[in-house]
Every structure is written in C-alpha cells, then in structure tokens.
Protein backbone atom coordinates (compact mmCIF):
# COMPACT_ATOMS: atom_id res chain seq x y z
CA MET A 1 64.38 102.27 80.43
CA PRO A 2 65.75 99.26 82.00
CA ASP A 3 66.33 98.79 85.78
CA GLU A 4 69.09 100.69 87.08
CA PRO A 5 71.74 98.07 88.56
CA ALA A 6 71.73 98.23 92.48
CA PRO A 7 74.97 99.18 93.75
CA ARG A 8 77.23 96.11 94.88
CA PRO A 9 78.65 96.42 98.42
CA ALA A 10 82.62 96.72 97.87
CA ALA A 11 85.75 97.82 100.09
CA THR A 12 88.70 99.43 99.26
CA ILE A 13 91.76 100.05 101.11
CA LEU A 14 94.45 102.64 101.06
CA PRO A 15 97.80 100.63 102.32
CA LEU A 16 100.22 103.62 103.73
CA ARG A 17 103.99 104.04 104.30
CA ASP A 18 106.09 106.69 105.81
CA GLY A 19 108.72 107.22 103.19
CA GLY A 20 112.04 109.49 102.69
CA SER A 21 110.08 112.02 101.64
CA GLY A 22 106.46 111.71 103.71
CA LEU A 23 103.40 110.11 103.64
CA GLU A 24 103.03 107.16 100.54
CA VAL A 25 100.01 105.20 99.07
CA LEU A 26 100.04 102.24 97.21
CA MET A 27 98.15 102.31 94.05
CA VAL A 28 97.56 99.64 91.53
CA ARG A 29 96.65 99.95 87.99
CA ARG A 30 93.96 98.08 86.34
CA ASN A 31 94.00 95.69 84.00
CA LEU A 32 93.47 97.67 80.67
CA LYS A 33 91.14 95.01 79.26
CA SER A 34 89.09 95.40 82.81
CA ASP A 35 85.50 95.94 82.18
CA PHE A 36 85.48 98.54 85.13
CA VAL A 37 87.97 101.08 85.03
CA GLY A 38 90.66 99.88 82.71
CA GLY A 39 94.01 101.24 82.83
CA ALA A 40 93.25 103.33 85.66
CA TYR A 41 95.11 103.68 88.88
CA VAL A 42 93.15 102.95 91.98
CA PHE A 43 93.72 101.14 95.37
CA PRO A 44 93.39 98.07 96.40
CA GLY A 45 89.66 96.67 96.74
CA GLY A 46 86.46 94.90 95.36
CA ALA A 47 82.96 93.92 95.75
CA LEU A 48 82.12 91.30 98.68
CA ASP A 49 81.83 87.80 98.40
CA ALA A 50 79.55 85.60 100.65
CA ALA A 51 82.64 84.61 102.66
CA ASP A 52 83.40 87.76 103.84
CA ALA A 53 80.29 88.00 106.53
CA VAL A 54 81.59 84.57 108.07
CA ARG A 55 85.64 85.21 108.33
CA ALA A 56 87.46 84.63 111.86
CA ALA A 57 89.35 87.70 112.51
CA LEU A 58 91.28 89.90 115.09
CA GLY A 59 89.52 93.12 115.53
CA PRO A 60 86.35 94.75 116.10
CA ASP A 61 83.38 92.33 116.10
CA ASP A 62 80.35 92.52 113.55
CA ALA A 63 78.17 95.09 115.98
CA THR A 64 81.28 97.31 116.59
CA ALA A 65 82.12 97.12 112.79
CA SER A 66 78.37 97.98 111.57
CA SER A 67 78.42 100.72 114.26
CA ARG A 68 81.40 102.12 112.45
CA LEU A 69 79.99 101.82 109.21
CA GLY A 70 76.36 103.21 110.21
CA LEU A 71 74.65 99.94 109.22
CA ALA A 72 72.13 97.72 111.38
CA SER A 73 74.78 94.54 111.09
CA GLY A 74 76.98 92.85 108.58
CA GLY A 75 79.82 95.89 108.76
CA LEU A 76 82.32 93.61 109.46
CA ALA A 77 82.38 91.97 105.94
CA TYR A 78 83.40 95.18 104.59
CA PHE A 79 86.51 94.77 107.14
CA HIS A 80 87.39 91.41 105.99
CA ALA A 81 86.84 91.83 102.22
CA ALA A 82 89.75 94.72 102.17
CA VAL A 83 91.81 92.62 103.90
CA ARG A 84 91.55 90.36 100.93
CA GLU A 85 91.73 92.12 98.18
CA LEU A 86 94.50 93.55 99.97
CA PHE A 87 96.51 90.44 99.36
CA GLU A 88 95.02 89.10 96.38
CA GLU A 89 95.63 92.69 94.40
CA ALA A 90 98.49 93.80 96.08
CA GLY A 91 100.44 91.07 98.01
CA LEU A 92 100.27 92.63 101.75
CA LEU A 93 98.73 90.46 104.33
CA LEU A 94 97.31 91.81 106.95
CA ALA A 95 96.99 89.00 109.35
CA ALA A 96 98.41 87.41 112.60
CA THR A 97 98.41 84.14 115.18
CA PRO A 98 95.28 83.83 117.29
CA ASP A 99 97.64 85.34 120.15
CA GLY A 100 97.91 88.63 117.64
CA THR A 101 101.72 87.99 116.52
CA THR A 102 102.54 88.39 113.27
CA GLU A 103 106.08 87.00 112.92
CA ALA A 104 104.19 83.54 111.33
CA VAL A 105 103.52 85.67 108.03
CA VAL A 106 106.98 86.41 107.00
CA ARG A 107 108.32 83.01 108.09
CA GLN A 108 105.93 81.63 105.81
CA ARG A 109 105.81 84.17 103.23
CA ASP A 110 107.03 81.38 100.27
CA GLN A 111 103.99 79.27 100.79
CA LEU A 112 101.86 82.68 101.39
CA ASN A 113 102.53 83.77 97.51
CA ALA A 114 101.82 80.19 95.86
CA ALA A 115 98.54 80.16 97.98
CA ARG A 116 98.20 83.87 96.77
CA THR A 117 98.48 82.81 93.23
CA ARG A 118 95.81 80.28 93.55
CA LEU A 119 93.45 82.56 95.21
CA ASN A 120 93.54 85.05 92.56
CA ALA A 121 92.85 81.22 89.93
CA HIS A 122 89.82 80.50 91.95
CA GLU A 123 91.47 77.06 92.96
CA ASP A 124 91.55 78.24 96.66
CA ASP A 125 89.96 79.77 99.30
CA PHE A 126 91.32 82.97 101.76
CA ASP A 127 90.00 81.18 105.10
CA ALA A 128 92.02 78.29 104.20
CA VAL A 129 94.95 79.96 103.19
CA LEU A 130 94.75 81.66 106.68
CA ALA A 131 93.90 78.61 108.31
CA ARG A 132 96.58 76.11 106.70
CA ALA A 133 99.03 79.02 108.04
CA GLY A 134 97.72 79.15 111.58
CA LEU A 135 96.37 82.56 110.72
CA VAL A 136 93.52 85.19 110.87
CA ALA A 137 92.77 88.35 109.10
CA ASP A 138 93.83 91.04 111.33
CA LEU A 139 91.93 93.90 111.31
CA ARG A 140 92.90 95.92 114.39
CA GLY A 141 94.66 98.83 112.60
CA LEU A 142 92.16 99.72 109.84
CA GLY A 143 90.75 103.27 109.97
CA TYR A 144 87.11 103.90 108.00
CA LEU A 145 87.45 106.97 105.77
CA SER A 146 85.03 107.32 103.22
CA HIS A 147 81.79 106.01 101.87
CA TRP A 148 81.05 106.56 98.05
CA VAL A 149 78.28 105.11 95.72
CA THR A 150 78.72 105.00 91.81
CA PRO A 151 76.19 107.23 90.29
CA LEU A 152 73.15 106.23 88.38
CA GLY A 153 73.58 105.17 84.82
CA GLN A 154 76.44 103.61 85.04
CA PRO A 155 76.46 100.10 83.54
CA ARG A 156 78.46 98.49 87.23
CA ARG A 157 77.76 100.42 90.40
CA TYR A 158 79.23 99.88 93.85
CA ASP A 159 78.40 100.88 97.12
CA THR A 160 81.74 100.99 98.24
CA ARG A 161 83.70 101.46 101.92
CA PHE A 162 87.40 103.17 101.70
CA PHE A 163 89.73 102.24 104.53
CA VAL A 164 93.53 103.35 105.54
CA VAL A 165 95.95 100.76 107.49
CA ALA A 166 99.29 101.43 107.81
CA ALA A 167 101.43 98.46 105.57
CA PRO A 168 103.25 95.90 107.18
CA ILE A 169 107.07 96.93 106.82
CA ASP A 170 108.03 93.47 106.63
CA GLN A 171 106.12 92.98 103.24
CA VAL A 172 106.98 93.99 99.75
CA ALA A 173 103.97 94.65 97.75
CA GLY A 174 103.60 93.34 94.49
CA HIS A 175 100.50 93.54 91.55
CA ASP A 176 99.26 90.38 90.78
CA GLU A 177 99.58 90.25 87.17
CA GLY A 178 95.77 89.55 86.42
CA GLU A 179 93.49 92.46 87.74
CA THR A 180 96.20 94.80 88.42
CA VAL A 181 99.22 95.14 85.74
CA ALA A 182 101.50 97.70 87.66
CA HIS A 183 101.76 99.18 91.05
CA ARG A 184 103.80 102.24 92.91
CA TRP A 185 104.20 103.86 96.16
CA ILE A 186 103.64 107.34 95.79
CA ARG A 187 103.16 110.62 97.72
CA PRO A 188 99.50 111.32 97.56
CA GLY A 189 100.05 114.82 96.23
CA ASP A 190 102.27 113.46 93.34
CA ALA A 191 99.86 111.47 92.28
CA LEU A 192 96.97 114.40 91.93
CA LEU A 193 99.53 116.17 90.14
CA ALA A 194 100.40 113.08 87.97
CA ALA A 195 96.47 113.02 87.57
CA GLU A 196 96.08 116.42 86.56
CA ARG A 197 98.53 116.50 83.92
CA GLY A 198 97.76 113.29 82.60
CA GLU A 199 100.19 111.09 83.28
CA MET A 200 97.72 108.60 85.30
CA THR A 201 94.25 108.03 84.86
CA VAL A 202 92.57 108.57 88.24
CA ILE A 203 88.60 108.45 88.73
CA LEU A 204 87.13 110.69 91.09
CA PRO A 205 86.53 108.95 94.30
CA THR A 206 90.32 107.76 93.89
CA LEU A 207 91.15 111.83 93.30
CA ARG A 208 89.32 112.62 96.79
CA ASN A 209 90.50 109.94 99.15
CA LEU A 210 93.78 110.92 97.69
CA ALA A 211 93.50 114.56 98.52
CA ALA A 212 91.66 113.65 102.25
CA ILE A 213 95.29 111.89 103.06
CA ALA A 214 97.45 114.21 100.92
CA ASP A 215 98.11 116.95 104.22
CA PHE A 216 99.78 114.23 106.62
CA ALA A 217 102.81 113.58 107.21
CA ARG A 218 102.51 109.49 108.69
CA ALA A 219 100.46 106.56 107.98
CA ALA A 220 99.76 107.01 111.65
CA ASP A 221 98.50 110.41 111.16
CA ALA A 222 95.87 109.48 108.66
CA VAL A 223 94.67 106.45 110.33
CA ALA A 224 94.43 108.40 113.53
CA PHE A 225 92.08 110.79 111.42
CA ALA A 226 90.10 108.28 109.89
CA ASP A 227 89.73 106.95 113.40
CA SER A 228 88.46 110.27 114.72
CA GLN A 229 85.48 111.03 112.02
CA ARG A 230 82.58 110.63 114.34
CA SER A 231 80.45 110.28 111.35
CA VAL A 232 81.13 109.43 107.47
CA PRO A 233 78.72 110.68 104.88
CA CYS A 234 77.59 108.46 102.31
CA ILE A 235 78.90 110.49 98.76
CA GLU A 236 77.16 109.84 95.66
CA PRO A 237 77.51 111.71 92.46
CA ARG A 238 75.04 112.34 90.09
CA MET A 239 75.22 112.62 86.48
CA VAL A 240 74.27 115.56 85.08
CA GLU A 241 73.23 116.80 81.46
CA ARG A 242 73.62 119.92 80.24
CA ASP A 243 74.23 121.87 76.67
CA GLY A 244 74.55 118.66 75.00
CA SER A 245 77.39 117.22 77.44
CA VAL A 246 77.40 114.62 80.84
CA ARG A 247 79.42 115.82 83.78
CA ILE A 248 79.60 114.24 87.05
CA VAL A 249 78.45 116.78 90.46
CA LEU A 250 78.68 115.90 93.94
CA PRO A 251 76.54 116.73 96.63
CA GLY A 252 76.20 120.33 97.10
CA GLU A 253 77.54 121.33 94.05
CA PRO A 254 75.11 123.87 91.41
CA GLY A 255 72.78 121.09 89.40
CA TYR A 256 73.11 118.10 92.04
CA ASP A 257 69.32 118.79 93.08
CA ASP A 258 67.87 119.52 89.62
C-alpha cells in the first residue's frame, strides 16, 4: 500500500455580514473541474505558501498566533493565508495602512482588482500588491473557529484552520472565475437546509462550521464566540468500511476507534 500523503497546512475563512434577515456567510462554489471537491460550496481558503510565513501585518505576532492555534511556532502564517485566500478567491481585502486606517483600500479599488487578476494568474505577489498600495494585511478581526484534518485514504489531505471575520462593509465580494465559479451570501441555517435537500453540495467540515455559527444573530457574536474558545480541538474524521460500504465517522461516534 502506498504511503498516505501528509496533510498540507491550510487556512479557510468564513466572511460574515449582518443581513436583513440575520447573519449571513459568504460561500463560493469550486470549479467543477477542480480535483478537490469540485462543484462543492465552500468558504474561501487554500494551502499555505512559503511567503505566508514572512508577511507583514497588523494584529498578533507569531508567538500570540501560534499559541492561539496550539503550535510552537508558525501560527501567523495561517492567519496570513486566510487573508490572502479571501482576496484571491472572493475579492474581499482585509488590509489597512500601517497606522490602521482602511480608507486607502476603497480608494484604490480599481488598482487592487487588477492586481487580484494578476495574483490569480500567478503573475504577481500578494506582499508586493499590498506594498505598492501602501497597505499591510489586517489580521485584527480574525477569530479562530475550528481545526479539521482530512481523513486517511483521501488523495489530497489538508490540515486546515478555520477562521471567522466580519466582512468589510465597504467592499463587494466576487468569485474569481477560476478556482471559484459562483458565490452567494446565505444564512447558515439556509445553507444547511439547501445541503440537506441536495440543492447545494457541501462537504462535512463545511456543514459543521455552518452549524457552529447558525445560531448567532450578528457577525460580531460569531467572532466573539470564536475568540472565547479556550482551546480548539483537532477533528480528524475517519473512513470506516462496514458491510461493503464506506462512511465517514467523527471522534466519539460508533466505530471511530475500531
């Protein structure tokens, strides 16, 4: 049997807003041709890249971020990756000038949109984009929500940290027409119902994170909940074969320790 692939470090972010009928979360649909959960509705996110470990930002330092994630070091890269992926996949930029103001993001929106296109074509670098605009990534509003690891037996595995954040109210989200082919703001409870009815393809970690925020009335409440968690357990589902069929079980469920 070939060796199981090691899970790649990854970050995913749930952008939230206060809608007219309650809390809404931004979901993007992955390209049907994607070799990982093609066609599924997910939250913006992806694997860390090398530059995520050295990016300048407003917010926690690496020691604080690592402690929050239960790591000895390197935790800040997950926060950075979440912000980068949010911009690349959904067009929302969490950034500010070094003194903490955000007006320059809106003022330079056209230039930043053009830079996003180059980023997604691998023709530019996120740090360079921010530097040219006089900006740094703004990590101050991110709350750490959950930690999931893809089960053994999958061709691609990820060790993913999920974050929540209140989306900038002066920016408009948009999918990238590459990795993501659609986007929608939706109440978490409505997304859960749509998945149950087969109207949206939603994978297990996405379902569980939707359920985790479904009862909150406001974005600020969901972020506060994430911040209030004293520790975040690592959830690693397992694929269990019984009676000729394979199902996924979570820690604590029957068959997990068999």
